[in-house]
């Protein structure tokens, strides 16, 4: 495939790997017992993207243009930075050459280098797909970063609900990612429950100097999602919403206080399993893909500013994000749509409008004071003089009027 094909909007349950259809909905990956379910906005398939048939797309991903990738790459490409993809594994796509993808670890059996769900591979491609020459325009936003796959979603799926993947497994995956050397941990998964194991894993990442970037959640008509999502809602985690081609909130992007920034999440061109490229889309957009773009931008910052650490990497993305009001966030896109070039070039200052610089306190926004004015009558110090002048003027006017009447009377007598 050498040109962009119309993206199909397919709402279907996840089928076995032998089929060519992926879901546009976000079915829950079932939990065990009372553990909260962890969900992902799994991709839909673009027309004629078929498992088992390699195809290439020569288009440049529109998100790379929107995010100023060519300019960003003059400053950083992610070289030397490991980004963990805690997901369904990463397949052996030609965009992942040499040691660009590590062997990783699977917590659910099988190999971290297989991905029948195709979700983790799509996310990894957004982050660090490498060029395969003129036959494909696909590259990751951090093309020289290393991907560490940590598999927490099983290949097997024998029912519509799928196998168990709960918050405990996700928590273990985050720990494994950090202990495996990742400086950025991409979690394109979410759960509605505040789980102590998951919270502890996030705190472990922070102590180890790693930034966790997590999806704010994607809602569809088939599977509506509301409320805060975890781990995105934990302090120190960069929660990501999805924006559309016009930098507006994507239809299905879950809103809330857990949204810190946004990134492109519609009509995404990325790696398709082991078979080249594909446009992946849905009517609602995907915070999974948006999260991958933010993780890639964080990898650029980790290369350029290695000593700053996760708090400042996150702050750079927040404070330089594009938004209508520089001093305010909202629950749809947080502090705005990320701008990697601005984040790479910003000179951080506590006086910058937006989120407070870590280690400083946001200045209070004082309301303008309102003073009640008491109006009293004030005596005119020259009132006497003004009255005298007034009487002189009246007298002079009267004299002139009298003189005019005398002259008029004389003319009548002589006439």
Protein backbone atom coordinates (compact mmCIF):
# COMPACT_ATOMS: atom_id res chain seq x y z
CA UNK A 1 0.00 0.00 0.00
CA UNK A 2 1.69 3.19 -1.18
CA UNK A 3 -0.91 5.83 -0.39
CA UNK A 4 -3.32 6.58 2.39
CA UNK A 5 -6.43 4.44 2.41
CA UNK A 6 -9.70 5.37 4.00
CA UNK A 7 -9.69 4.35 7.66
CA UNK A 8 -12.46 1.93 8.44
CA UNK A 9 -14.53 2.48 11.57
CA UNK A 10 -15.18 -1.05 12.80
CA UNK A 11 -16.96 -1.79 16.04
CA UNK A 12 -16.44 -5.47 16.71
CA UNK A 13 -15.36 -7.75 19.52
CA UNK A 14 -11.74 -8.75 19.46
CA UNK A 15 -11.30 -11.77 17.22
CA UNK A 16 -8.55 -14.36 17.16
CA UNK A 17 -5.21 -13.52 15.58
CA UNK A 18 -6.06 -15.42 12.42
CA UNK A 19 -8.59 -12.78 11.45
CA UNK A 20 -7.90 -9.38 9.93
CA UNK A 21 -10.18 -7.29 12.12
CA UNK A 22 -9.26 -5.42 15.29
CA UNK A 23 -11.74 -3.66 17.59
CA UNK A 24 -12.45 0.06 17.61
CA UNK A 25 -14.17 -0.38 20.95
CA UNK A 26 -12.28 -0.68 24.24
CA UNK A 27 -13.39 -3.99 25.78
CA UNK A 28 -12.36 -4.57 29.35
CA UNK A 29 -9.54 -6.96 29.88
CA UNK A 30 -11.27 -8.91 32.58
CA UNK A 31 -10.30 -8.73 36.20
CA UNK A 32 -10.01 -11.46 38.76
CA UNK A 33 -12.29 -11.33 41.77
CA UNK A 34 -12.72 -7.79 43.03
CA UNK A 35 -9.62 -6.41 41.31
CA UNK A 36 -10.50 -3.56 38.95
CA UNK A 37 -10.36 -4.31 35.23
CA UNK A 38 -7.64 -2.74 33.15
CA UNK A 39 -8.71 -1.53 29.72
CA UNK A 40 -7.06 -0.34 26.55
CA UNK A 41 -8.41 1.52 23.55
CA UNK A 42 -7.54 -1.22 21.10
CA UNK A 43 -7.07 -0.28 17.45
CA UNK A 44 -9.49 -0.64 14.59
CA UNK A 45 -8.11 -1.74 11.26
CA UNK A 46 -7.70 0.50 8.27
CA UNK A 47 -9.09 -0.85 5.04
CA UNK A 48 -6.98 -3.67 3.54
CA UNK A 49 -4.55 -3.91 6.44
CA UNK A 50 -4.37 -7.66 6.74
CA UNK A 51 -2.53 -9.82 9.19
CA UNK A 52 -0.02 -11.93 7.33
CA UNK A 53 0.34 -9.49 4.42
CA UNK A 54 3.06 -6.85 4.66
CA UNK A 55 2.11 -3.43 3.32
CA UNK A 56 3.81 -0.04 3.45
CA UNK A 57 2.47 3.50 3.55
CA UNK A 58 4.65 6.26 2.11
CA UNK A 59 2.73 9.04 3.86
CA UNK A 60 4.38 10.96 6.66
CA UNK A 61 2.29 10.53 9.82
CA UNK A 62 0.38 13.77 10.24
CA UNK A 63 1.15 13.82 13.96
CA UNK A 64 4.88 14.06 13.22
CA UNK A 65 4.23 17.18 11.15
CA UNK A 66 1.92 18.63 13.80
CA UNK A 67 4.49 18.00 16.54
CA UNK A 68 7.41 19.52 14.62
CA UNK A 69 9.43 16.31 14.58
CA UNK A 70 12.02 17.41 12.02
CA UNK A 71 12.97 20.44 14.07
CA UNK A 72 12.90 18.45 17.32
CA UNK A 73 15.28 15.86 15.84
CA UNK A 74 17.96 18.50 15.38
CA UNK A 75 18.13 18.60 19.19
CA UNK A 76 17.23 15.07 20.31
CA UNK A 77 16.12 11.74 18.86
CA UNK A 78 15.80 9.71 22.04
CA UNK A 79 19.23 8.13 21.68
CA UNK A 80 20.35 6.38 24.84
CA UNK A 81 16.88 6.48 26.42
CA UNK A 82 14.87 3.32 27.14
CA UNK A 83 11.08 3.60 26.93
CA UNK A 84 9.07 0.73 28.36
CA UNK A 85 5.85 -0.26 26.63
CA UNK A 86 3.76 -1.97 29.30
CA UNK A 87 1.18 -3.55 27.04
CA UNK A 88 0.46 -6.59 24.85
CA UNK A 89 4.01 -7.13 23.58
CA UNK A 90 5.88 -5.80 20.55
CA UNK A 91 6.03 -7.84 17.35
CA UNK A 92 9.09 -8.18 15.12
CA UNK A 93 8.25 -5.48 12.61
CA UNK A 94 10.88 -4.30 10.09
CA UNK A 95 10.70 -0.84 11.68
CA UNK A 96 12.35 -2.34 14.77
CA UNK A 97 15.86 -3.10 13.62
CA UNK A 98 18.89 -4.35 15.50
CA UNK A 99 18.63 -3.70 19.20
CA UNK A 100 15.97 -1.00 18.93
CA UNK A 101 13.57 -3.34 20.77
CA UNK A 102 14.94 -5.30 23.72
CA UNK A 103 13.85 -8.84 24.55
CA UNK A 104 11.73 -7.53 27.39
CA UNK A 105 9.70 -9.56 29.80
CA UNK A 106 6.30 -11.23 29.78
CA UNK A 107 4.27 -11.49 32.97
CA UNK A 108 1.43 -13.42 31.33
CA UNK A 109 3.25 -16.24 29.57
CA UNK A 110 4.71 -16.44 26.11
CA UNK A 111 7.20 -13.96 24.69
CA UNK A 112 7.24 -10.19 25.02
CA UNK A 113 8.19 -10.16 21.29
CA UNK A 114 4.83 -11.53 20.15
CA UNK A 115 1.69 -9.43 19.96
CA UNK A 116 -1.51 -10.99 18.70
CA UNK A 117 -3.49 -7.97 19.94
CA UNK A 118 -1.31 -5.60 17.81
CA UNK A 119 -1.84 -2.87 20.39
CA UNK A 120 1.61 -2.78 21.97
CA UNK A 121 3.26 -2.87 18.54
CA UNK A 122 1.23 0.13 17.37
CA UNK A 123 2.21 2.05 20.51
CA UNK A 124 5.88 1.11 20.15
CA UNK A 125 5.88 2.29 16.53
CA UNK A 126 4.55 5.70 17.49
CA UNK A 127 7.37 6.01 19.99
CA UNK A 128 10.39 4.59 18.19
CA UNK A 129 9.73 3.08 14.77
CA UNK A 130 12.89 3.44 12.69
CA UNK A 131 12.94 4.41 9.03
CA UNK A 132 12.95 1.61 6.46
CA UNK A 133 13.76 3.92 3.58
CA UNK A 134 11.58 5.36 0.86
CA UNK A 135 9.06 2.53 0.91
CA UNK A 136 7.53 3.82 4.16
CA UNK A 137 7.00 7.21 5.74
CA UNK A 138 6.49 5.77 9.22
CA UNK A 139 8.90 6.80 11.96
CA UNK A 140 8.53 7.23 15.68
CA UNK A 141 8.72 10.60 17.34
CA UNK A 142 11.80 9.35 19.24
CA UNK A 143 13.28 7.12 16.51
CA UNK A 144 16.56 6.38 18.28
CA UNK A 145 15.02 5.41 21.62
CA UNK A 146 15.11 1.78 22.75
CA UNK A 147 11.84 -0.02 23.42
CA UNK A 148 11.55 -2.34 26.41
CA UNK A 149 8.40 -4.47 25.97
CA UNK A 150 6.78 -5.58 29.21
CA UNK A 151 3.87 -7.85 28.42
CA UNK A 152 0.91 -7.65 30.77
CA UNK A 153 -1.82 -8.58 28.25
CA UNK A 154 -1.88 -12.21 27.16
CA UNK A 155 -1.82 -13.33 23.53
CA UNK A 156 -4.62 -15.78 24.18
CA UNK A 157 -8.22 -14.67 23.98
CA UNK A 158 -10.80 -17.40 24.10
CA UNK A 159 -13.85 -15.28 24.84
CA UNK A 160 -15.13 -11.77 24.29
CA UNK A 161 -14.10 -10.85 27.81
CA UNK A 162 -10.60 -12.19 27.35
CA UNK A 163 -8.14 -13.49 29.91
CA UNK A 164 -7.42 -11.89 33.24
CA UNK A 165 -5.34 -8.73 33.33
CA UNK A 166 -5.80 -6.80 36.54
CA UNK A 167 -4.26 -3.87 38.35
CA UNK A 168 -1.86 -6.18 40.17
CA UNK A 169 -0.38 -7.43 36.90
CA UNK A 170 -0.14 -3.89 35.59
CA UNK A 171 1.61 -2.82 38.80
CA UNK A 172 4.09 -5.66 38.43
CA UNK A 173 4.67 -4.57 34.84
CA UNK A 174 5.52 -1.01 35.84
CA UNK A 175 8.00 -2.29 38.43
CA UNK A 176 9.59 -4.61 35.87
CA UNK A 177 9.89 -1.73 33.41
CA UNK A 178 11.69 0.52 35.86
CA UNK A 179 13.91 -2.24 37.17
CA UNK A 180 14.76 -3.03 33.54
CA UNK A 181 16.24 0.43 33.07
CA UNK A 182 13.37 2.40 31.54
CA UNK A 183 13.42 6.16 32.10
CA UNK A 184 9.98 6.58 30.52
CA UNK A 185 7.19 4.06 31.15
CA UNK A 186 4.33 4.12 28.63
CA UNK A 187 1.05 2.76 30.02
CA UNK A 188 -1.64 2.90 27.32
CA UNK A 189 -3.98 1.10 29.72
CA UNK A 190 -6.24 2.30 32.50
CA UNK A 191 -8.42 1.17 35.35
CA UNK A 192 -11.20 2.88 37.28
CA UNK A 193 -9.96 1.65 40.64
CA UNK A 194 -7.36 3.19 42.95
CA UNK A 195 -5.36 0.05 43.70
CA UNK A 196 -2.68 0.15 46.40
CA UNK A 197 -0.38 -2.11 44.38
CA UNK A 198 -0.61 0.16 41.37
CA UNK A 199 -0.01 3.26 43.47
CA UNK A 200 3.02 1.63 45.06
CA UNK A 201 4.44 0.72 41.64
CA UNK A 202 4.12 4.33 40.48
CA UNK A 203 5.90 5.53 43.62
CA UNK A 204 8.65 2.98 42.95
CA UNK A 205 9.10 4.42 39.46
CA UNK A 206 9.37 7.93 40.84
CA UNK A 207 12.00 6.89 43.37
CA UNK A 208 13.98 5.30 40.53
CA UNK A 209 13.85 8.49 38.44
CA UNK A 210 11.41 7.23 35.79
CA UNK A 211 8.42 9.10 34.37
CA UNK A 212 5.17 7.16 34.06
CA UNK A 213 3.03 8.40 31.15
CA UNK A 214 -0.49 6.96 31.22
CA UNK A 215 -3.68 7.13 29.18
CA UNK A 216 -6.57 9.16 30.56
CA UNK A 217 -8.96 6.58 29.09
CA UNK A 218 -10.99 6.27 25.92
CA UNK A 219 -14.78 6.10 25.96
CA UNK A 220 -16.96 4.65 23.20
CA UNK A 221 -20.68 4.25 22.72
CA UNK A 222 -20.25 0.53 23.22
CA UNK A 223 -18.13 0.95 26.34
CA UNK A 224 -18.65 4.34 27.99
CA UNK A 225 -15.92 5.34 30.43
CA UNK A 226 -16.20 8.11 33.01
CA UNK A 227 -14.38 9.31 36.07
CA UNK A 228 -10.70 9.30 36.99
CA UNK A 229 -8.52 6.59 35.52
CA UNK A 230 -5.44 5.03 37.05
CA UNK A 231 -2.47 5.15 36.96
CA UNK A 232 -3.03 8.48 35.15
CA UNK A 233 -4.70 9.99 38.23
CA UNK A 234 -1.81 9.33 40.60
CA UNK A 235 0.42 12.27 41.59
CA UNK A 236 3.52 12.50 39.46
CA UNK A 237 2.05 10.50 36.56
CA UNK A 238 1.59 12.39 33.30
CA UNK A 239 -2.04 11.71 32.32
CA UNK A 240 -2.75 12.03 28.60
CA UNK A 241 -5.90 12.91 26.69
CA UNK A 242 -6.36 12.66 22.92
CA UNK A 243 -6.71 15.56 20.50
CA UNK A 244 -8.04 15.49 16.94
CA UNK A 245 -6.62 16.97 13.72
CA UNK A 246 -7.76 20.45 14.79
CA UNK A 247 -6.11 20.22 18.23
CA UNK A 248 -9.52 19.91 19.84
CA UNK A 249 -10.41 17.19 22.36
CA UNK A 250 -11.12 13.90 20.61
CA UNK A 251 -14.70 12.72 20.99
CA UNK A 252 -13.88 9.69 23.10
CA UNK A 253 -11.11 11.12 25.26
CA UNK A 254 -12.12 10.79 28.90
CA UNK A 255 -12.07 14.12 30.72
CA UNK A 256 -11.20 14.91 34.30
CA UNK A 257 -8.65 16.27 36.70
CA UNK A 258 -6.33 13.36 35.82
CA UNK A 259 -5.69 14.84 32.35
CA UNK A 260 -2.39 16.76 32.31
CA UNK A 261 -1.67 17.15 28.58
CA UNK A 262 -3.01 15.98 25.23
CA UNK A 263 -1.51 14.68 21.99
CA UNK A 264 -2.79 13.50 18.58
CA UNK A 265 -5.01 10.45 18.85
CA UNK A 266 -6.93 10.22 15.57
CA UNK A 267 -6.00 8.80 12.14
CA UNK A 268 -2.73 7.44 13.46
CA UNK A 269 -0.25 5.91 11.02
CA UNK A 270 2.03 3.41 12.73
CA UNK A 271 3.40 -0.12 12.80
CA UNK A 272 0.95 -2.96 12.20
CA UNK A 273 2.03 -6.11 13.96
CA UNK A 274 4.80 -7.82 12.02
CA UNK A 275 3.41 -6.59 8.71
CA UNK A 276 4.59 -3.08 7.93
CA UNK A 277 2.31 -0.06 8.36
CA UNK A 278 -1.34 0.77 8.81
CA UNK A 279 -3.66 3.68 9.50
CA UNK A 280 -5.43 2.98 12.77
CA UNK A 281 -8.45 5.01 13.71
CA UNK A 282 -11.83 5.21 15.32
CA UNK A 283 -14.56 7.82 15.49
CA UNK A 284 -13.69 8.47 19.12
CA UNK A 285 -9.90 8.77 18.85
CA UNK A 286 -7.50 6.91 21.09
CA UNK A 287 -5.71 8.03 24.23
CA UNK A 288 -3.50 4.94 23.83
CA UNK A 289 -1.86 6.48 20.79
CA UNK A 290 -1.82 9.97 22.30
CA UNK A 291 0.03 8.54 25.30
CA UNK A 292 2.67 7.06 23.01
CA UNK A 293 3.36 10.46 21.44
CA UNK A 294 3.79 12.01 24.88
CA UNK A 295 6.12 9.19 25.96
CA UNK A 296 8.21 9.78 22.85
CA UNK A 297 8.38 13.51 23.57
CA UNK A 298 9.47 12.68 27.13
CA UNK A 299 12.24 10.48 25.70
CA UNK A 300 13.52 13.44 23.67
CA UNK A 301 13.65 15.50 26.86
CA UNK A 302 15.33 12.69 28.80
CA UNK A 303 18.12 12.67 26.22
CA UNK A 304 18.56 16.45 26.11
CA UNK A 305 18.12 17.09 29.84
CA UNK A 306 19.18 13.86 31.56
CA UNK A 307 19.91 15.53 34.89
CA UNK A 308 16.51 17.21 35.20
CA UNK A 309 14.56 14.06 35.96
CA UNK A 310 10.90 13.07 35.52
CA UNK A 311 9.29 15.99 37.32
CA UNK A 312 10.96 18.55 35.10
CA UNK A 313 10.44 16.51 31.93
CA UNK A 314 6.73 16.46 32.71
CA UNK A 315 6.77 20.14 33.62
CA UNK A 316 8.41 21.07 30.32
CA UNK A 317 5.66 19.31 28.40
CA UNK A 318 2.92 20.93 30.49
CA UNK A 319 4.16 24.50 30.66
CA UNK A 320 4.94 24.72 26.92
CA UNK A 321 1.76 22.98 25.72
CA UNK A 322 -0.54 24.85 23.33
CA UNK A 323 -3.68 26.16 25.04
CA UNK A 324 -6.13 29.04 24.83
CA UNK A 325 -5.23 30.52 28.22
CA UNK A 326 -1.64 30.35 29.34
CA UNK A 327 -2.60 30.48 33.02
CA UNK A 328 -5.30 27.81 33.05
CA UNK A 329 -5.84 24.10 32.38
CA UNK A 330 -9.07 22.30 31.62
CA UNK A 331 -10.34 18.77 32.12
CA UNK A 332 -10.38 17.90 28.42
CA UNK A 333 -6.77 18.55 27.37
CA UNK A 334 -5.13 19.47 30.67
CA UNK A 335 -2.48 22.13 30.05
CA UNK A 336 -2.89 21.68 26.31
CA UNK A 337 -1.51 19.81 23.29
CA UNK A 338 2.20 19.08 23.65
CA UNK A 339 4.76 21.03 21.64
CA UNK A 340 8.03 19.08 21.69
CA UNK A 341 10.15 21.79 20.08
CA UNK A 342 9.06 24.36 22.64
CA UNK A 343 9.64 21.84 25.44
CA UNK A 344 13.16 21.18 24.15
CA UNK A 345 14.06 24.86 23.93
CA UNK A 346 12.29 26.38 26.94
CA UNK A 347 14.29 28.13 29.64
CA UNK A 348 12.35 27.16 32.74
CA UNK A 349 11.35 30.01 34.98
CA UNK A 350 9.10 30.14 38.02
CA UNK A 351 7.34 33.11 36.46
CA UNK A 352 6.10 31.18 33.41
CA UNK A 353 2.33 31.10 33.09
CA UNK A 354 0.87 27.68 33.69
CA UNK A 355 1.69 24.92 36.17
CA UNK A 356 4.10 25.92 38.93
CA UNK A 357 7.73 24.97 38.48
CA UNK A 358 8.48 21.91 40.67
CA UNK A 359 10.01 23.02 43.95
CA UNK A 360 8.26 26.38 43.89
CA UNK A 361 4.90 27.56 45.13
CA UNK A 362 2.42 28.98 42.71
CA UNK A 363 1.89 32.68 43.46
CA UNK A 364 -1.57 33.40 44.84
CA UNK A 365 -3.97 34.97 42.40
CA UNK A 366 -5.04 38.05 44.38
CA UNK A 367 -8.39 39.50 43.50
CA UNK A 368 -8.39 43.19 42.68
CA UNK A 369 -9.40 45.12 45.82
CA UNK A 370 -12.68 47.00 45.68
CA UNK A 371 -12.83 50.28 47.66
CA UNK A 372 -16.16 51.88 48.48
CA UNK A 373 -16.00 55.61 47.83
CA UNK A 374 -18.01 57.88 50.15
CA UNK A 375 -19.23 60.89 48.22
CA UNK A 376 -19.82 64.02 50.37
CA UNK A 377 -20.78 67.55 49.33
CA UNK A 378 -17.68 69.75 49.19
CA UNK A 379 -17.94 73.52 49.84
CA UNK A 380 -16.76 75.75 47.00
CA UNK A 381 -14.06 78.02 48.51
CA UNK A 382 -14.70 80.68 45.86
CA UNK A 383 -18.47 80.63 46.06
CA UNK A 384 -18.63 84.27 47.28
CA UNK A 385 -16.52 85.55 44.42
CA UNK A 386 -18.60 83.56 41.93
CA UNK A 387 -21.83 85.14 43.29
CA UNK A 388 -20.32 88.64 43.08
CA UNK A 389 -19.27 88.10 39.51
CA UNK A 390 -22.72 86.74 38.72
CA UNK A 391 -24.45 89.87 40.10
CA UNK A 392 -22.08 92.20 38.24
CA UNK A 393 -22.87 90.32 35.04
CA UNK A 394 -26.62 90.58 35.70
CA UNK A 395 -26.31 94.34 36.42
CA UNK A 396 -24.27 94.97 33.32
CA UNK A 397 -26.76 93.05 31.23
CA UNK A 398 -29.65 95.02 32.67
CA UNK A 399 -27.88 98.34 31.98
CA UNK A 400 -27.26 97.43 28.38
CA UNK A 401 -30.85 96.35 27.94
CA UNK A 402 -32.11 99.66 29.40
CA UNK A 403 -29.84 101.70 27.14
CA UNK A 404 -31.08 99.84 24.09
CA UNK A 405 -34.72 100.54 25.02
CA UNK A 406 -34.02 104.32 25.46
CA UNK A 407 -32.46 104.54 22.00
CA UNK A 408 -35.38 102.71 20.44
CA UNK A 409 -37.88 105.09 22.03
CA UNK A 410 -36.02 108.22 20.71
CA UNK A 411 -36.00 106.88 17.15
CA UNK A 412 -39.76 106.43 17.23
CA UNK A 413 -40.34 110.07 18.41
CA UNK A 414 -38.10 111.58 15.69
CA UNK A 415 -39.73 109.43 13.11
